[in-house]
C-alpha atoms as a PDB file:
ATOM      1  CA  MET A   1      -5.579  96.509  66.420  1.00  0.00           C
ATOM      2  CA  SER A   2      -8.164  94.676  64.329  1.00  0.00           C
ATOM      3  CA  ILE A   3     -11.070  95.983  62.293  1.00  0.00           C
ATOM      4  CA  GLY A   4     -14.353  95.433  64.074  1.00  0.00           C
ATOM      5  CA  PHE A   5     -17.919  95.046  62.892  1.00  0.00           C
ATOM      6  CA  TRP A   6     -18.877  98.634  63.754  1.00  0.00           C
ATOM      7  CA  GLN A   7     -15.968 100.100  61.822  1.00  0.00           C
ATOM      8  CA  ILE A   8     -16.931  98.128  58.715  1.00  0.00           C
ATOM      9  CA  ALA A   9     -20.579  99.158  59.161  1.00  0.00           C
ATOM     10  CA  ILE A  10     -19.639 102.847  59.379  1.00  0.00           C
ATOM     11  CA  VAL A  11     -17.518 102.623  56.222  1.00  0.00           C
ATOM     12  CA  VAL A  12     -20.344 100.889  54.326  1.00  0.00           C
ATOM     13  CA  ILE A  13     -22.853 103.525  55.451  1.00  0.00           C
ATOM     14  CA  LEU A  14     -20.534 106.342  54.364  1.00  0.00           C
ATOM     15  CA  VAL A  15     -19.982 104.767  50.949  1.00  0.00           C
ATOM     16  CA  VAL A  16     -23.729 104.336  50.413  1.00  0.00           C
ATOM     17  CA  LEU A  17     -24.363 107.929  51.451  1.00  0.00           C
ATOM     18  CA  LEU A  18     -21.644 109.295  49.173  1.00  0.00           C
ATOM     19  CA  PHE A  19     -22.378 107.270  46.046  1.00  0.00           C
ATOM     20  CA  GLY A  20     -25.981 106.174  46.477  1.00  0.00           C
ATOM     21  CA  ARG A  21     -27.375 102.681  45.984  1.00  0.00           C
ATOM     22  CA  GLY A  22     -28.068 103.152  42.254  1.00  0.00           C
ATOM     23  CA  LYS A  23     -24.501 104.144  41.446  1.00  0.00           C
ATOM     24  CA  ILE A  24     -23.028 101.223  43.404  1.00  0.00           C
ATOM     25  CA  SER A  25     -25.361  98.668  41.794  1.00  0.00           C
ATOM     26  CA  SER A  26     -24.628  99.950  38.280  1.00  0.00           C
ATOM     27  CA  LEU A  27     -20.909  99.875  39.024  1.00  0.00           C
ATOM     28  CA  MET A  28     -21.132  96.281  40.244  1.00  0.00           C
ATOM     29  CA  GLY A  29     -23.129  95.382  37.108  1.00  0.00           C
ATOM     30  CA  ASP A  30     -20.359  96.853  34.946  1.00  0.00           C
ATOM     31  CA  VAL A  31     -17.746  94.873  36.876  1.00  0.00           C
ATOM     32  CA  ALA A  32     -19.743  91.661  36.343  1.00  0.00           C
ATOM     33  CA  LYS A  33     -20.005  92.340  32.589  1.00  0.00           C
ATOM     34  CA  GLY A  34     -16.260  92.906  32.436  1.00  0.00           C
ATOM     35  CA  ILE A  35     -15.546  89.633  34.224  1.00  0.00           C
ATOM     36  CA  LYS A  36     -17.898  87.721  31.889  1.00  0.00           C
ATOM     37  CA  SER A  37     -16.290  89.310  28.850  1.00  0.00           C
ATOM     38  CA  PHE A  38     -12.816  88.447  30.132  1.00  0.00           C
ATOM     39  CA  LYS A  39     -13.789  84.812  30.759  1.00  0.00           C
ATOM     40  CA  LYS A  40     -15.372  84.583  27.303  1.00  0.00           C
ATOM     41  CA  GLY A  41     -12.224  86.012  25.727  1.00  0.00           C
ATOM     42  CA  MET A  42     -10.000  83.576  27.585  1.00  0.00           C
ATOM     43  CA  ALA A  43     -12.214  80.655  26.522  1.00  0.00           C
ATOM     44  CA  SER A  44     -12.019  81.664  22.860  1.00  0.00           C
ATOM     45  CA  ASP A  45      -8.213  81.893  23.062  1.00  0.00           C
ATOM     46  CA  VAL A  46      -8.032  78.320  24.314  1.00  0.00           C
ATOM     47  CA  THR A  47     -10.141  77.012  21.419  1.00  0.00           C
ATOM     48  CA  ASP A  48      -7.966  78.884  18.913  1.00  0.00           C
ATOM     49  CA  GLU A  49      -4.848  77.177  20.255  1.00  0.00           C
ATOM     50  CA  GLU A  50      -6.400  73.721  19.916  1.00  0.00           C
ATOM     51  CA  SER A  51      -6.722  74.049  16.142  1.00  0.00           C
ATOM     52  CA  PRO A  52      -3.482  75.650  14.911  1.00  0.00           C
ATOM     53  CA  LYS A  53      -3.506  77.114  11.430  1.00  0.00           C
ATOM     54  CA  ASN A  54      -0.814  76.215   8.962  1.00  0.00           C
ATOM     55  CA  ILE A  55       0.402  79.418   7.348  1.00  0.00           C
ATOM     56  CA  SER A  56       2.292  77.678   4.551  1.00  0.00           C
ATOM     57  CA  GLU A  57      -0.917  76.059   3.257  1.00  0.00           C
ATOM     58  CA  ASN A  58      -2.565  79.480   3.000  1.00  0.00           C
ATOM     59  CA  GLN A  59       0.433  80.895   1.136  1.00  0.00           C
ATOM     60  CA  ASP A  60       0.482  77.943  -1.282  1.00  0.00           C
ATOM     61  CA  SER A  61      -3.191  78.447  -2.139  1.00  0.00           C
ATOM     62  CA  ASN A  62      -2.589  82.177  -2.641  1.00  0.00           C
ATOM     63  CA  ASN A  63       0.329  81.437  -4.955  1.00  0.00           C
ATOM     64  CA  GLN A  64      -1.821  79.046  -7.004  1.00  0.00           C
ATOM     65  CA  ASP A  65      -4.570  81.649  -7.279  1.00  0.00           C
ATOM     66  CA  SER A  66      -2.143  84.297  -8.508  1.00  0.00           C
ATOM     67  CA  SER A  67      -0.595  81.903 -11.063  1.00  0.00           C
ATOM     68  CA  ASN A  68      -4.082  81.094 -12.397  1.00  0.00           C
ATOM     69  CA  LYS A  69      -4.750  84.793 -12.986  1.00  0.00           C
ATOM     70  CA  GLU A  70      -1.653  85.187 -15.162  1.00  0.00           C
END
């Protein structure tokens, strides 16, 4: 048994009646913002990996700063 056009139409009508058009559109807007934020976060992770930071250089500079204070 397959899902027909009329069955999908009835489900869509019921969803619109239960939630209203405003609620569905705001929900879809929130989903779109979440997807954009996720993509932006993934893009920033990739750029961070391209320029690795050397931890030992930061520790050496901190050690020099502390020896200058003494």
